[in-house]
Amino acid sequence: MLLVDAAGRLFGAGRSATMSEIALEAGISSATAYRHFTSVDDVLAAYRFEVGRELLEFSRSQETEGTDLLNAVCTKWVHLVVQHGESMVHTRSAEGYLARVRAGAYYLTVQAEALQRPLAEASKALGIPHPGDEALFLWNGFFDPREIYDLIRSLDLTAEQVSARLVRTFTAALAGWSASRS
């Protein structure tokens, strides 16, 4: 956990870091760091997993239903992105989001699990069939950390404003996506 926390601090502050720098920040040797993780990307994936696990715990604890549940979980996600800073935007892959979820990228599958009930509840409240993985695809397009930061910085929006606009737009997109499947 020392390495994961150290990477979160370094990347969260908006800077890149090597494994040696992460190890130094964690107070351990580079050799020890490499015994636990093979690369900076692996450390950042572990960091994203921990954030996803926090979202999952939040999602499971919610007693609301329908679009209120989706709103609560999406708002929590936006706040987690802001709280954890730039560390949330460094995970890169040549594969798309769904391909990585389906391949079992653990740092994304925990996030997908956190969204299962909110997406099902929102679909039911919207009177549409649950779009399954396609809902995850849409969600990722709207709630990608890079896009959240872009809205905050470029439009000078608060996290609450970003959440409200994205949830409204996302639910409309879910309905539109469902209508286009017919």
Protein backbone atom coordinates (compact mmCIF):
# COMPACT_ATOMS: atom_id res chain seq x y z
CA MET A 1 0.00 0.00 0.00
CA LEU A 2 2.97 2.31 0.56
CA LEU A 3 3.77 2.30 -3.16
CA VAL A 4 0.17 2.82 -4.20
CA ASP A 5 -0.26 5.73 -1.81
CA ALA A 6 3.05 7.26 -2.90
CA ALA A 7 2.07 7.03 -6.57
CA GLY A 8 -1.27 8.62 -5.74
CA ARG A 9 0.44 11.54 -4.03
CA LEU A 10 2.96 12.11 -6.83
CA PHE A 11 0.58 11.74 -9.76
CA GLY A 12 -2.25 13.42 -7.86
CA ALA A 13 -0.09 16.52 -7.60
CA GLY A 14 0.06 16.60 -11.39
CA ARG A 15 3.51 15.22 -11.98
CA SER A 16 4.78 12.05 -13.60
CA ALA A 17 7.08 9.74 -11.72
CA THR A 18 9.30 6.76 -12.35
CA MET A 19 9.25 3.61 -10.24
CA SER A 20 12.43 4.86 -8.52
CA GLU A 21 10.73 8.14 -7.62
CA ILE A 22 7.64 6.32 -6.36
CA ALA A 23 9.83 4.01 -4.27
CA LEU A 24 11.71 7.00 -2.84
CA GLU A 25 8.40 8.71 -1.98
CA ALA A 26 7.25 5.48 -0.31
CA GLY A 27 10.49 5.16 1.64
CA ILE A 28 11.48 1.83 0.15
CA SER A 29 14.12 0.65 -2.30
CA SER A 30 13.51 0.43 -6.04
CA ALA A 31 14.24 -3.30 -5.88
CA THR A 32 11.46 -3.75 -3.32
CA ALA A 33 9.12 -1.68 -5.46
CA TYR A 34 9.78 -3.88 -8.48
CA ARG A 35 9.11 -7.01 -6.42
CA HIS A 36 5.55 -5.75 -5.94
CA PHE A 37 4.84 -4.03 -9.26
CA THR A 38 6.41 -4.41 -12.68
CA SER A 39 5.72 -0.86 -13.84
CA VAL A 40 4.34 2.55 -12.98
CA ASP A 41 1.18 1.60 -14.90
CA ASP A 42 0.70 -1.38 -12.57
CA VAL A 43 1.01 0.87 -9.51
CA LEU A 44 -1.49 3.34 -10.97
CA ALA A 45 -3.90 0.50 -11.81
CA ALA A 46 -3.74 -0.55 -8.15
CA TYR A 47 -4.44 3.04 -7.17
CA ARG A 48 -7.45 3.20 -9.52
CA PHE A 49 -8.67 -0.11 -8.06
CA GLU A 50 -8.66 1.38 -4.56
CA VAL A 51 -10.66 4.37 -5.79
CA GLY A 52 -13.05 1.99 -7.57
CA ARG A 53 -13.41 -0.01 -4.39
CA GLU A 54 -14.37 3.17 -2.55
CA LEU A 55 -17.03 3.82 -5.21
CA LEU A 56 -18.28 0.23 -4.87
CA GLU A 57 -18.63 0.53 -1.09
CA PHE A 58 -20.49 3.80 -1.53
CA SER A 59 -22.78 2.30 -4.17
CA ARG A 60 -23.60 -0.71 -2.01
CA SER A 61 -24.41 1.49 0.98
CA GLN A 62 -27.00 3.59 -0.87
CA GLU A 63 -30.67 3.05 -0.08
CA THR A 64 -32.02 5.24 -2.87
CA GLU A 65 -33.39 3.82 -6.11
CA GLY A 66 -33.88 4.77 -9.73
CA THR A 67 -32.18 7.82 -11.14
CA ASP A 68 -31.57 9.12 -7.61
CA LEU A 69 -29.24 6.18 -7.04
CA LEU A 70 -27.46 6.80 -10.34
CA ASN A 71 -27.12 10.47 -9.46
CA ALA A 72 -25.65 9.69 -6.03
CA VAL A 73 -23.09 7.22 -7.40
CA CYS A 74 -22.09 9.43 -10.33
CA THR A 75 -21.73 12.44 -8.03
CA LYS A 76 -19.56 10.37 -5.71
CA TRP A 77 -17.41 9.40 -8.71
CA VAL A 78 -16.90 13.02 -9.74
CA HIS A 79 -15.91 13.90 -6.18
CA LEU A 80 -13.50 10.94 -6.05
CA VAL A 81 -11.91 12.08 -9.29
CA VAL A 82 -11.45 15.59 -7.92
CA GLN A 83 -10.23 14.29 -4.55
CA HIS A 84 -7.62 12.00 -6.08
CA GLY A 85 -6.39 14.52 -8.59
CA GLU A 86 -4.34 13.86 -11.67
CA SER A 87 -3.58 10.29 -10.58
CA MET A 88 -6.97 9.41 -12.06
CA VAL A 89 -6.00 10.38 -15.61
CA HIS A 90 -2.73 8.52 -16.08
CA THR A 91 -4.01 5.01 -16.79
CA ARG A 92 -3.68 4.57 -20.55
CA SER A 93 -4.31 1.61 -22.80
CA ALA A 94 -4.51 0.93 -26.50
CA GLU A 95 -7.68 -1.07 -25.80
CA GLY A 96 -11.08 0.52 -25.34
CA TYR A 97 -12.96 0.63 -22.06
CA LEU A 98 -15.33 -2.27 -22.79
CA ALA A 99 -12.54 -4.47 -24.10
CA ARG A 100 -10.61 -3.88 -20.87
CA VAL A 101 -13.68 -4.53 -18.68
CA ARG A 102 -14.46 -7.73 -20.58
CA ALA A 103 -10.81 -8.81 -20.35
CA GLY A 104 -11.06 -8.43 -16.57
CA ALA A 105 -8.96 -5.30 -15.96
CA TYR A 106 -9.42 -5.42 -12.20
CA TYR A 107 -9.21 -1.67 -11.72
CA LEU A 108 -12.18 -1.26 -14.09
CA THR A 109 -14.23 -4.33 -13.13
CA VAL A 110 -14.62 -2.98 -9.59
CA GLN A 111 -15.91 0.26 -11.08
CA ALA A 112 -18.29 -1.67 -13.35
CA GLU A 113 -19.55 -3.59 -10.33
CA ALA A 114 -20.20 -0.31 -8.51
CA LEU A 115 -22.34 0.81 -11.46
CA GLN A 116 -24.40 -2.38 -11.95
CA ARG A 117 -27.30 -1.56 -9.64
CA PRO A 118 -27.37 2.19 -10.39
CA LEU A 119 -27.51 1.52 -14.14
CA ALA A 120 -30.20 -1.14 -13.73
CA GLU A 121 -32.25 1.13 -11.46
CA ALA A 122 -31.92 4.11 -13.81
CA SER A 123 -32.91 2.02 -16.83
CA LYS A 124 -35.99 0.80 -14.99
CA ALA A 125 -36.90 4.35 -13.93
CA LEU A 126 -36.45 5.56 -17.51
CA GLY A 127 -38.68 2.74 -18.77
CA ILE A 128 -36.00 1.28 -21.04
CA PRO A 129 -34.44 -2.15 -21.24
CA HIS A 130 -31.11 -2.27 -19.45
CA PRO A 131 -28.45 -1.72 -22.12
CA GLY A 132 -25.87 -3.86 -20.26
CA ASP A 133 -22.27 -3.24 -21.24
CA GLU A 134 -23.39 -0.52 -23.61
CA ALA A 135 -24.46 1.51 -20.55
CA LEU A 136 -20.92 1.14 -19.18
CA PHE A 137 -19.52 2.31 -22.50
CA LEU A 138 -21.71 5.41 -22.42
CA TRP A 139 -20.96 6.05 -18.76
CA ASN A 140 -17.23 5.93 -19.42
CA GLY A 141 -17.58 8.40 -22.28
CA PHE A 142 -19.25 10.92 -20.02
CA PHE A 143 -17.48 10.23 -16.74
CA ASP A 144 -13.91 9.73 -17.92
CA PRO A 145 -11.66 11.59 -15.43
CA ARG A 146 -10.00 13.53 -18.26
CA GLU A 147 -13.39 14.86 -19.35
CA ILE A 148 -14.40 15.71 -15.79
CA TYR A 149 -11.23 17.76 -15.37
CA ASP A 150 -11.76 19.37 -18.76
CA LEU A 151 -15.23 20.57 -17.73
CA ILE A 152 -13.98 21.86 -14.40
CA ARG A 153 -11.00 23.69 -15.86
CA SER A 154 -12.28 24.80 -19.25
CA LEU A 155 -15.78 25.84 -18.22
CA ASP A 156 -14.94 26.77 -14.64
CA LEU A 157 -17.64 24.45 -13.28
CA THR A 158 -17.80 23.06 -9.76
CA ALA A 159 -17.84 19.33 -9.14
CA GLU A 160 -21.55 19.61 -8.31
CA GLN A 161 -22.29 21.39 -11.58
CA VAL A 162 -20.28 18.81 -13.53
CA SER A 163 -22.12 15.97 -11.80
CA ALA A 164 -25.55 17.45 -12.41
CA ARG A 165 -24.91 18.15 -16.09
CA LEU A 166 -23.26 14.82 -16.78
CA VAL A 167 -25.97 12.79 -15.04
CA ARG A 168 -28.72 14.62 -16.94
CA THR A 169 -26.93 14.19 -20.25
CA PHE A 170 -26.01 10.58 -19.52
CA THR A 171 -29.60 9.59 -18.68
CA ALA A 172 -30.77 11.23 -21.91
CA ALA A 173 -28.06 9.32 -23.77
CA LEU A 174 -29.23 6.06 -22.19
CA ALA A 175 -32.75 6.70 -23.43
CA GLY A 176 -31.48 7.70 -26.88
CA TRP A 177 -29.23 4.67 -27.09
CA SER A 178 -32.13 2.41 -26.15
CA ALA A 179 -34.39 4.00 -28.79
CA SER A 180 -31.72 3.51 -31.47
CA ARG A 181 -31.49 -0.22 -30.65
CA SER A 182 -35.13 -0.82 -31.62
